[in-house]
Structures are given as C-alpha cells and as structure tokens.
Amino acid sequence: MGSVLFRGPDRAASSTYPVDLHVHTDASGGRDAVAAVMRRAAERGVRVLAIADHSPSDSYWEARRAGVRLGVELPFPALEISTRTGADEHHVLVYGEAALDPMLRAYAAFPTDRGPDRHLDTAEAIRVVRRAGGVPVLAHPFREVATRRSTPERLLAQVEAFVAAGLCGTEVRSTHHPDDAIPGGLDLPGRFGLLEFGGSDHHAGRRCEPGQVGVDWTQFARIRRLVADARPIVRPAPRFEAVTFDCGGTLIEHRRDPAGVIADAGLPPLDGHHRALLGTAESAALVVRQYTDPANWRVFPEVPAVLGALRLSGVRLGVVANWQSDLPRLLEAHGLLGMFDFVVASAAAGAAKPDRAIFDRAVELAGCPPDRVLHVGDHPECDVAGATAAGLAALHADRADPSWDLRRVLGHVLWP
C-alpha cells in the first residue's frame, strides 16, 4: 500500500478548503438553489467556487452575481457530463468558457428520463470537450473501484485511453473515495501527468459541505493557468449546409401507437395501421385525428438543444415527413416549428418517402446541392434508402438502440 492518493472528505465539518471546484445546485440533482449554495459557501469561508451542474443552465451567471455580494469568486464556468465506458460510469467535469458553448451544452445535455444507456462514451466526450476549448477532468475516478463495480486494473486501462483522448486532470479528494489508503499504482496524476483537482460535489444538506473537499491556493493557481491557456481546436465549417429530419420516431415519439388509438376508440383491430391511416371511412378518420393529435406526441428530450446548436452553426434545418398537411401545427404545439426553415409534409407535397419527389422538394427549399444535405430518419427504407437514392447523405436514427439519440447528428455535422 502506498500513500493516500485518493482521499475522502475531511471529516471535521469545520475544515474548509478555500477553493471548491465541484458544487451542484437545484439545476441538476441538488436541492439547494443557487443563492442558498452561495450563501453557505461564503459562511464556510470558501473564496473560490465552481458550479458544475449536469444540466446546462444559467446558474453560472446567477452565482457570479451573488458571488460579487458575498466575496466568492467564480473564476470560470463548469459543467459535469455523465458518460460510460463499457459497464463503468464516469463523470467528466468541463472547465472554461467551453462549458457555455451552446453546441457543447447540447452535446452534453443529460436526458435523465432515458436511463444510463443514454450516457455518452467517455473518450468521445473528452475529445469533444477538447475540441471546444474546454478542460476535461475526471470526477471522483475511484468511485467505481471503491464500490467494487470495477477493478484497479480496468480503471488504469480506461484512464490511459482517456488521456490519449485529451484528459487534462482528475479529482484526487472526493466524497466518493474511501478514507483508507489506495495502492500507489493508482496515482493517476503521477502516472499520467494529470493535474490534481478537488471539490465537494455538494448537492444538498450537510452530507458534504461546500469547501469540505477542494484544493489549496497553490494548486488553484496551476488550475487557473491551465484553464486560461485552453484554446479550442479550430472548428471546421459544417460538413453539410442543411439537415432535414423525419418527424415521428426521430424528433417526437407517440404516447399511443395506432393500435392503441384504435383500441381506445373502441374499434375492431385492423390488419395494419396503414389501412386505418389511408382509409376514408369515418372510423379511419377518427383514428387519424387522434393519432396525429399533438397531445399524443412528446419530444425526445435532447431534440431542442441539438436543433439549437445546429441553428447556431448556420445550418439550415427542415422536416421531411410522411404526414398530414397539418404537420406545422403539430411542431408548433411542441415548440419546434420556429427551429426549422422549412417543413415538407407528404400530404401537401403530393409525394411520400421514399419517393424521390419529396426529397427533391426538400433540396429545393434548402437551397443547396443534394450532397450538401443530410437527412436523418428512423425508417431504413423511407428515410435512409429514399434519401440516398435522391442524392442526399443519410443518417439512420436508430431509436431501437438504447444508446442512440439525436446528439449523434452533431458529430456528423459539426465535429467530423
């Protein structure tokens, strides 16, 4: 056994580090509002704080304003990203102005109702942070080993890959680490040349107070220089001038499928829902109305942030869907219509995917050559094969894969 390389918090509640670089508010998991967190930090003698919420929010600016009154400095923005490498969960802290980058925030958005399979790959997240000019730091790295969900050997192999991807630092003192000594072979800063970080990971209550875990002034001076010197890798122009999306199953998901709508309407089962959707009988019209009713649909959680990031990059956005002519009404009801430059519904276009005509119309509205348009959709034939045949690039929105979500589009368009 070597020295205590990964340490738990100081158990004396009165012990306070002047610098705490890992604190949460009620924007992500914490129960304390920004004002309460700042007051408690100031009361305990913390002089430098970093708000590292999972969910991108405006807490940084609110905390800065409060810090001016309370004598607590927020030297740079921060963000925490939940990621996975195989079966192991790792959290990556992001420090610097990149934590406010709308594109990075969209990429890092944490859809909590989607479960752990929606977490990003750790090495991929680190690479994206570095490209955006952020400083990626591994939070509480010994947690998985301490809870016996991983092994020291596996952790070392993973950190080696993270360093190759651009990892800059690691937390050394954490509430998630045990108090007893850890084998010297797990000296991640010494072994991989990583800068030592520390923070309380304060969420709420008195489990770990702000400043009970942190770094001293000497170490903070090194950290401040690292963050100040970080520069984004020059981001190339987007690979595509326009991106079009299918609607149902790609941007939004139904609450009741056609069979459920039919059952709720008290109608006899049909051989296939398309008979109902394409029929002219009064019962079929009822099914169409109820199925396409905006109340029957909900937006996938990552969609607004991804669309916002694409718009900020200058990419034109459109919807190309096999849908009734009231598709704009559905998009408007869910707050999405204003994100798009054009909407092409099959009922209005007189052609349905995979027919080339509907894609030709989309290309015309996009105002660029077809090979400069990326179409994203969940149907292999209607979306992928149809778009490809019309000369567009295509990306399969494979929602059946629990690890897939629309953030993949950002990688294809903004970070080739």
Protein backbone atom coordinates (compact mmCIF):
# COMPACT_ATOMS: atom_id res chain seq x y z
CA MET A 1 0.00 0.00 0.00
CA GLY A 2 1.24 3.46 -0.82
CA SER A 3 0.26 6.85 0.45
CA VAL A 4 -3.31 8.11 0.45
CA LEU A 5 -3.59 9.13 -3.18
CA PHE A 6 -7.36 9.26 -3.47
CA ARG A 7 -8.91 10.67 -0.36
CA GLY A 8 -12.32 11.09 1.16
CA PRO A 9 -13.54 14.37 2.62
CA ASP A 10 -12.13 15.92 5.74
CA ARG A 11 -14.48 14.67 8.41
CA ALA A 12 -14.24 17.76 10.55
CA ALA A 13 -17.17 19.89 9.43
CA SER A 14 -15.21 22.99 10.37
CA SER A 15 -12.40 22.14 7.97
CA THR A 16 -12.68 24.25 4.84
CA TYR A 17 -10.67 24.47 1.65
CA PRO A 18 -10.60 27.98 0.18
CA VAL A 19 -11.30 26.57 -3.31
CA ASP A 20 -14.14 24.15 -4.15
CA LEU A 21 -14.35 23.28 -7.86
CA HIS A 22 -17.30 20.89 -7.84
CA VAL A 23 -20.66 22.08 -6.49
CA HIS A 24 -24.22 21.46 -7.67
CA THR A 25 -27.44 23.47 -7.44
CA ASP A 26 -31.08 22.51 -7.89
CA ALA A 27 -30.49 22.71 -11.65
CA SER A 28 -29.12 19.15 -11.53
CA GLY A 29 -29.69 16.84 -8.62
CA GLY A 30 -29.09 19.32 -5.84
CA ARG A 31 -31.91 20.58 -3.64
CA ASP A 32 -30.37 23.99 -2.88
CA ALA A 33 -30.99 26.98 -5.11
CA VAL A 34 -28.02 28.99 -6.36
CA ALA A 35 -28.46 31.70 -3.74
CA ALA A 36 -28.50 29.15 -0.90
CA VAL A 37 -25.38 27.38 -2.19
CA MET A 38 -23.51 30.66 -2.48
CA ARG A 39 -24.52 31.79 1.00
CA ARG A 40 -23.45 28.51 2.57
CA ALA A 41 -20.11 28.59 0.74
CA ALA A 42 -19.46 32.13 1.93
CA GLU A 43 -20.43 31.25 5.52
CA ARG A 44 -17.90 28.41 5.50
CA GLY A 45 -15.08 30.58 4.20
CA VAL A 46 -14.96 29.34 0.60
CA ARG A 47 -13.48 32.05 -1.58
CA VAL A 48 -13.45 30.36 -4.99
CA LEU A 49 -16.27 28.15 -6.27
CA ALA A 50 -17.21 26.33 -9.48
CA ILE A 51 -20.86 25.43 -10.17
CA ALA A 52 -20.71 22.19 -12.17
CA ASP A 53 -24.33 21.24 -12.81
CA HIS A 54 -25.18 18.30 -15.07
CA SER A 55 -27.96 20.15 -16.87
CA PRO A 56 -26.82 23.26 -18.73
CA SER A 57 -28.45 26.26 -17.07
CA ASP A 58 -27.91 29.91 -16.30
CA SER A 59 -26.75 29.12 -12.75
CA TYR A 60 -23.22 30.34 -13.53
CA TRP A 61 -24.33 33.91 -14.19
CA GLU A 62 -26.67 33.97 -11.19
CA ALA A 63 -23.88 32.60 -8.99
CA ARG A 64 -21.42 35.19 -10.26
CA ARG A 65 -23.79 37.99 -9.35
CA ALA A 66 -24.29 36.51 -5.89
CA GLY A 67 -20.55 35.96 -5.52
CA VAL A 68 -19.83 39.66 -6.01
CA ARG A 69 -22.01 40.46 -3.00
CA LEU A 70 -20.69 37.59 -0.85
CA GLY A 71 -16.98 37.73 -1.69
CA VAL A 72 -16.93 34.37 -3.51
CA GLU A 73 -15.24 34.27 -6.92
CA LEU A 74 -16.47 32.09 -9.81
CA PRO A 75 -13.31 32.10 -11.96
CA PHE A 76 -14.73 30.12 -14.88
CA PRO A 77 -17.87 28.23 -15.96
CA ALA A 78 -18.10 24.48 -15.34
CA LEU A 79 -20.27 21.55 -16.39
CA GLU A 80 -20.47 17.87 -15.45
CA ILE A 81 -21.16 15.23 -18.10
CA SER A 82 -22.32 11.70 -17.29
CA THR A 83 -20.56 9.17 -19.51
CA ARG A 84 -19.93 5.45 -19.78
CA THR A 85 -17.07 3.23 -20.83
CA GLY A 86 -18.40 -0.27 -21.19
CA ALA A 87 -20.23 -1.10 -17.97
CA ASP A 88 -18.47 1.63 -15.95
CA GLU A 89 -19.90 5.08 -15.37
CA HIS A 90 -17.54 8.03 -15.39
CA HIS A 91 -18.29 11.71 -14.88
CA VAL A 92 -16.31 14.29 -16.83
CA LEU A 93 -16.04 17.81 -15.48
CA VAL A 94 -15.64 20.61 -18.03
CA TYR A 95 -13.93 23.85 -17.02
CA GLY A 96 -13.63 27.05 -19.01
CA GLU A 97 -15.71 29.10 -21.44
CA ALA A 98 -16.44 25.93 -23.42
CA ALA A 99 -18.92 24.99 -20.68
CA LEU A 100 -21.10 27.81 -22.04
CA ASP A 101 -20.68 26.79 -25.70
CA PRO A 102 -24.25 26.08 -26.92
CA MET A 103 -23.04 23.29 -29.18
CA LEU A 104 -21.12 21.57 -26.40
CA ARG A 105 -24.01 22.08 -23.98
CA ALA A 106 -26.35 20.45 -26.47
CA TYR A 107 -23.96 17.57 -26.92
CA ALA A 108 -23.62 17.15 -23.16
CA ALA A 109 -27.32 17.57 -22.34
CA PHE A 110 -28.25 14.92 -19.79
CA PRO A 111 -31.67 13.35 -20.58
CA THR A 112 -32.36 11.97 -17.11
CA ASP A 113 -35.53 10.12 -18.07
CA ARG A 114 -33.68 7.96 -20.59
CA GLY A 115 -31.55 5.91 -18.21
CA PRO A 116 -27.83 5.12 -18.12
CA ASP A 117 -27.71 3.75 -21.68
CA ARG A 118 -28.11 7.32 -22.92
CA HIS A 119 -24.78 8.37 -21.44
CA LEU A 120 -22.04 9.41 -23.86
CA ASP A 121 -18.89 7.41 -24.40
CA THR A 122 -16.25 8.83 -22.03
CA ALA A 123 -13.38 9.13 -24.50
CA GLU A 124 -15.68 10.64 -27.13
CA ALA A 125 -16.93 13.23 -24.63
CA ILE A 126 -13.35 14.15 -23.68
CA ARG A 127 -12.40 14.64 -27.33
CA VAL A 128 -15.41 16.89 -27.93
CA VAL A 129 -14.59 18.98 -24.84
CA ARG A 130 -11.02 19.49 -26.01
CA ARG A 131 -12.16 20.49 -29.49
CA ALA A 132 -14.46 23.07 -27.94
CA GLY A 133 -11.58 24.52 -25.93
CA GLY A 134 -12.61 23.12 -22.56
CA VAL A 135 -10.53 21.45 -19.86
CA PRO A 136 -11.85 17.90 -19.26
CA VAL A 137 -11.30 16.48 -15.77
CA LEU A 138 -12.23 13.05 -14.46
CA ALA A 139 -14.53 13.38 -11.44
CA HIS A 140 -14.25 11.02 -8.43
CA PRO A 141 -12.32 8.41 -10.50
CA PHE A 142 -12.05 5.82 -7.74
CA ARG A 143 -15.82 5.54 -7.16
CA GLU A 144 -16.38 2.52 -9.39
CA VAL A 145 -13.47 0.65 -7.77
CA ALA A 146 -14.50 1.65 -4.24
CA THR A 147 -17.99 0.22 -4.81
CA ARG A 148 -16.50 -2.92 -6.39
CA ARG A 149 -18.20 -2.28 -9.72
CA SER A 150 -14.76 -2.11 -11.35
CA THR A 151 -11.16 -3.10 -10.67
CA PRO A 152 -7.95 -1.06 -10.35
CA GLU A 153 -6.56 -2.72 -13.47
CA ARG A 154 -9.62 -1.80 -15.52
CA LEU A 155 -9.56 1.78 -14.22
CA LEU A 156 -5.92 2.21 -15.23
CA ALA A 157 -6.58 0.91 -18.73
CA GLN A 158 -9.55 3.24 -19.09
CA VAL A 159 -7.68 6.30 -17.84
CA GLU A 160 -4.87 5.58 -20.29
CA ALA A 161 -7.46 5.78 -23.09
CA PHE A 162 -8.95 8.95 -21.60
CA VAL A 163 -5.52 10.60 -21.52
CA ALA A 164 -5.00 9.67 -25.16
CA ALA A 165 -8.34 11.36 -25.90
CA GLY A 166 -7.20 14.57 -24.17
CA LEU A 167 -7.97 14.26 -20.45
CA CYS A 168 -6.26 17.10 -18.53
CA GLY A 169 -6.87 16.37 -14.86
CA THR A 170 -8.51 14.22 -12.23
CA GLU A 171 -10.11 14.79 -8.86
CA VAL A 172 -7.97 13.43 -6.05
CA ARG A 173 -10.01 14.29 -2.98
CA SER A 174 -13.70 13.36 -3.20
CA THR A 175 -16.68 12.37 -1.08
CA HIS A 176 -16.91 9.27 -3.25
CA HIS A 177 -13.46 8.00 -2.27
CA PRO A 178 -12.77 5.91 0.83
CA ASP A 179 -10.67 7.22 3.71
CA ASP A 180 -8.21 4.36 3.70
CA ALA A 181 -5.10 4.30 1.55
CA ILE A 182 -5.24 3.29 -2.10
CA PRO A 183 -2.43 1.34 -3.77
CA GLY A 184 0.31 3.60 -5.07
CA GLY A 185 -0.17 2.20 -8.57
CA LEU A 186 -3.39 4.20 -8.76
CA ASP A 187 -1.57 7.53 -8.54
CA LEU A 188 -3.29 8.83 -11.67
CA PRO A 189 -1.74 12.33 -11.55
CA GLY A 190 1.78 10.91 -11.14
CA ARG A 191 1.32 8.04 -13.57
CA PHE A 192 -0.34 10.01 -16.38
CA GLY A 193 0.79 13.59 -15.76
CA LEU A 194 -2.68 14.82 -14.85
CA LEU A 195 -3.34 17.96 -12.86
CA GLU A 196 -4.94 17.42 -9.45
CA PHE A 197 -8.44 18.84 -8.93
CA GLY A 198 -10.79 18.64 -5.97
CA GLY A 199 -14.32 19.56 -4.97
CA SER A 200 -17.06 18.67 -2.52
CA ASP A 201 -19.63 17.50 -5.10
CA HIS A 202 -22.08 19.29 -2.80
CA HIS A 203 -25.69 18.56 -3.75
CA ALA A 204 -27.79 19.37 -0.70
CA GLY A 205 -27.91 19.29 3.07
CA ARG A 206 -24.83 18.67 5.20
CA ARG A 207 -23.59 15.37 3.68
CA CYS A 208 -20.60 17.27 2.38
CA GLU A 209 -20.44 20.99 2.87
CA PRO A 210 -19.05 23.41 0.29
CA GLY A 211 -15.32 23.62 0.88
CA GLN A 212 -15.10 20.40 2.92
CA VAL A 213 -13.30 18.99 -0.12
CA GLY A 214 -11.27 21.12 -2.51
CA VAL A 215 -7.78 22.40 -3.32
CA ASP A 216 -5.43 24.94 -1.78
CA TRP A 217 -4.31 28.25 -3.27
CA THR A 218 -1.09 26.86 -4.76
CA GLN A 219 -2.90 24.13 -6.66
CA PHE A 220 -5.64 26.51 -7.75
CA ALA A 221 -3.04 28.81 -9.31
CA ARG A 222 -1.94 25.90 -11.53
CA ILE A 223 -5.55 25.11 -12.42
CA ARG A 224 -6.35 28.71 -13.27
CA ARG A 225 -3.39 28.87 -15.66
CA LEU A 226 -4.44 25.62 -17.35
CA VAL A 227 -8.00 26.85 -17.91
CA ALA A 228 -6.85 30.29 -19.08
CA ASP A 229 -4.47 28.76 -21.63
CA ALA A 230 -7.03 26.33 -23.10
CA ARG A 231 -7.93 27.12 -26.68
CA PRO A 232 -10.48 25.50 -28.98
CA ILE A 233 -9.26 23.43 -31.85
CA VAL A 234 -10.29 25.40 -34.92
CA ARG A 235 -13.74 24.10 -35.71
CA PRO A 236 -14.12 23.35 -39.42
CA ALA A 237 -17.12 24.57 -41.35
CA PRO A 238 -20.12 22.23 -41.03
CA ARG A 239 -19.93 19.26 -43.38
CA PHE A 240 -23.48 19.97 -44.58
CA GLU A 241 -25.33 23.15 -45.44
CA ALA A 242 -28.70 21.72 -44.46
CA VAL A 243 -30.10 18.93 -42.30
CA THR A 244 -33.59 17.51 -42.72
CA PHE A 245 -35.37 15.34 -40.19
CA ASP A 246 -38.14 12.81 -40.26
CA CYS A 247 -40.71 13.63 -37.60
CA GLY A 248 -42.41 10.69 -35.85
CA GLY A 249 -39.83 8.33 -34.33
CA THR A 250 -36.99 10.80 -34.93
CA LEU A 251 -37.91 14.13 -33.34
CA ILE A 252 -41.00 13.02 -31.44
CA GLU A 253 -42.47 9.77 -30.16
CA HIS A 254 -46.10 8.75 -29.79
CA ARG A 255 -47.74 8.10 -26.47
CA ARG A 256 -50.16 5.65 -28.08
CA ASP A 257 -49.34 3.74 -31.24
CA PRO A 258 -52.03 3.29 -33.92
CA ALA A 259 -53.15 0.01 -32.39
CA GLY A 260 -53.58 1.75 -29.04
CA VAL A 261 -55.55 4.59 -30.65
CA ILE A 262 -57.81 2.05 -32.38
CA ALA A 263 -58.38 0.16 -29.13
CA ASP A 264 -59.12 3.37 -27.21
CA ALA A 265 -61.63 4.38 -29.89
CA GLY A 266 -63.48 1.10 -29.40
CA LEU A 267 -62.85 -0.01 -32.98
CA PRO A 268 -62.13 -3.60 -34.07
CA PRO A 269 -58.45 -4.44 -34.63
CA LEU A 270 -57.15 -3.93 -38.17
CA ASP A 271 -54.57 -5.97 -40.04
CA GLY A 272 -52.25 -2.97 -40.15
CA HIS A 273 -52.42 0.62 -39.04
CA HIS A 274 -51.81 1.91 -42.56
CA ARG A 275 -55.25 0.66 -43.59
CA ALA A 276 -56.71 2.94 -40.97
CA LEU A 277 -54.48 5.86 -41.86
CA LEU A 278 -55.16 5.59 -45.59
CA GLY A 279 -58.85 4.74 -45.43
CA THR A 280 -61.74 7.12 -45.96
CA ALA A 281 -64.25 5.65 -43.53
CA GLU A 282 -65.39 7.73 -40.58
CA SER A 283 -63.67 5.35 -38.17
CA ALA A 284 -60.38 5.68 -40.03
CA ALA A 285 -60.67 9.47 -39.95
CA LEU A 286 -61.18 9.30 -36.20
CA VAL A 287 -58.01 7.23 -35.80
CA VAL A 288 -56.04 9.68 -37.94
CA ARG A 289 -57.23 12.65 -35.88
CA GLN A 290 -56.44 11.01 -32.57
CA TYR A 291 -53.11 9.56 -33.68
CA THR A 292 -51.84 12.85 -35.12
CA ASP A 293 -53.23 14.95 -32.27
CA PRO A 294 -50.32 16.88 -30.69
CA ALA A 295 -51.35 15.55 -27.28
CA ASN A 296 -50.48 12.04 -28.49
CA TRP A 297 -46.85 13.01 -29.06
CA ARG A 298 -43.89 14.08 -26.95
CA VAL A 299 -40.50 15.45 -27.96
CA PHE A 300 -37.39 13.35 -27.36
CA PRO A 301 -35.55 15.21 -24.56
CA GLU A 302 -32.33 16.03 -26.40
CA VAL A 303 -34.02 17.42 -29.52
CA PRO A 304 -34.42 21.14 -28.66
CA ALA A 305 -30.78 21.53 -27.60
CA VAL A 306 -29.49 19.72 -30.70
CA LEU A 307 -31.63 21.81 -33.04
CA GLY A 308 -30.48 24.96 -31.29
CA ALA A 309 -26.83 24.02 -31.69
CA LEU A 310 -27.28 23.29 -35.39
CA ARG A 311 -29.03 26.60 -35.97
CA LEU A 312 -26.22 28.46 -34.21
CA SER A 313 -23.75 26.82 -36.56
CA GLY A 314 -25.57 28.30 -39.56
CA VAL A 315 -27.01 25.04 -40.88
CA ARG A 316 -30.48 25.27 -42.47
CA LEU A 317 -32.98 22.87 -40.91
CA GLY A 318 -36.07 21.21 -42.34
CA VAL A 319 -38.61 18.49 -41.68
CA VAL A 320 -39.48 15.92 -44.34
CA ALA A 321 -42.20 13.57 -43.14
CA ASN A 322 -44.97 11.31 -44.34
CA TRP A 323 -47.68 13.23 -42.54
CA GLN A 324 -50.92 15.13 -42.86
CA SER A 325 -50.82 18.71 -44.11
CA ASP A 326 -51.24 19.96 -40.52
CA LEU A 327 -47.68 18.91 -39.61
CA PRO A 328 -46.68 22.54 -38.86
CA ARG A 329 -49.46 22.67 -36.26
CA LEU A 330 -48.01 19.60 -34.52
CA LEU A 331 -44.50 21.08 -34.50
CA GLU A 332 -45.76 24.42 -33.22
CA ALA A 333 -47.67 22.74 -30.39
CA HIS A 334 -44.39 21.26 -29.17
CA GLY A 335 -42.34 24.43 -29.58
CA LEU A 336 -40.33 23.13 -32.54
CA LEU A 337 -41.73 24.93 -35.57
CA GLY A 338 -39.60 28.04 -35.11
CA MET A 339 -36.44 25.91 -35.18
CA PHE A 340 -36.98 24.94 -38.82
CA ASP A 341 -36.51 26.87 -42.06
CA PHE A 342 -38.97 24.70 -43.98
CA VAL A 343 -41.42 21.82 -43.48
CA VAL A 344 -42.37 19.31 -46.17
CA ALA A 345 -45.36 17.08 -45.36
CA SER A 346 -46.21 14.31 -47.82
CA ALA A 347 -49.90 15.25 -47.91
CA ALA A 348 -49.02 18.77 -49.03
CA ALA A 349 -46.16 17.75 -51.34
CA GLY A 350 -48.17 15.14 -53.23
CA ALA A 351 -45.44 12.54 -52.71
CA ALA A 352 -44.35 10.37 -49.81
CA LYS A 353 -40.99 8.98 -48.78
CA PRO A 354 -39.16 7.09 -50.24
CA ASP A 355 -40.36 8.79 -53.45
CA ARG A 356 -37.60 10.99 -54.84
CA ALA A 357 -40.01 13.86 -55.45
CA ILE A 358 -40.42 14.72 -51.77
CA PHE A 359 -36.64 14.82 -51.27
CA ASP A 360 -36.22 16.94 -54.40
CA ARG A 361 -38.66 19.43 -52.89
CA ALA A 362 -36.66 19.50 -49.66
CA VAL A 363 -33.40 20.11 -51.56
CA GLU A 364 -35.05 22.96 -53.46
CA LEU A 365 -36.12 24.60 -50.19
CA ALA A 366 -32.68 24.01 -48.65
CA GLY A 367 -31.11 25.98 -51.49
CA CYS A 368 -28.01 23.81 -51.90
CA PRO A 369 -26.90 20.72 -53.85
CA PRO A 370 -28.34 17.40 -52.61
CA ASP A 371 -24.94 16.11 -51.50
CA ARG A 372 -24.76 19.07 -49.09
CA VAL A 373 -27.95 17.93 -47.34
CA LEU A 374 -28.04 15.32 -44.56
CA HIS A 375 -31.36 13.56 -43.95
CA VAL A 376 -31.96 11.95 -40.55
CA GLY A 377 -34.75 9.44 -40.05
CA ASP A 378 -35.74 6.25 -38.27
CA HIS A 379 -37.00 4.22 -41.25
CA PRO A 380 -34.32 2.30 -43.20
CA GLU A 381 -36.29 2.33 -46.46
CA CYS A 382 -38.32 5.54 -46.36
CA ASP A 383 -35.59 7.71 -44.84
CA VAL A 384 -32.17 6.17 -45.44
CA ALA A 385 -32.68 4.42 -48.79
CA GLY A 386 -35.02 7.15 -50.08
CA ALA A 387 -32.67 10.00 -49.25
CA THR A 388 -29.62 8.18 -50.60
CA ALA A 389 -31.38 7.44 -53.89
CA ALA A 390 -32.18 11.15 -54.22
CA GLY A 391 -28.50 12.06 -53.77
CA LEU A 392 -28.64 13.19 -50.15
CA ALA A 393 -26.46 11.91 -47.34
CA ALA A 394 -28.42 9.89 -44.78
CA LEU A 395 -28.14 9.00 -41.11
CA HIS A 396 -30.26 6.26 -39.56
CA ALA A 397 -31.95 7.45 -36.35
CA ASP A 398 -31.88 4.03 -34.76
CA ARG A 399 -34.08 4.66 -31.74
CA ALA A 400 -34.30 0.90 -31.17
CA ASP A 401 -30.69 1.16 -29.96
CA PRO A 402 -30.97 2.49 -26.38
CA SER A 403 -27.63 4.27 -26.71
CA TRP A 404 -28.73 6.31 -29.76
CA ASP A 405 -30.06 9.83 -29.60
CA LEU A 406 -30.01 12.91 -31.81
CA ARG A 407 -26.69 14.16 -30.45
CA ARG A 408 -25.09 11.80 -32.99
CA VAL A 409 -26.10 14.32 -35.64
CA LEU A 410 -23.78 16.92 -34.11
CA GLY A 411 -20.84 14.59 -34.58
CA HIS A 412 -21.70 14.11 -38.26
CA VAL A 413 -22.27 17.78 -38.97
CA LEU A 414 -20.13 19.85 -36.59
CA TRP A 415 -17.31 17.59 -35.41
CA PRO A 416 -16.26 15.42 -38.35
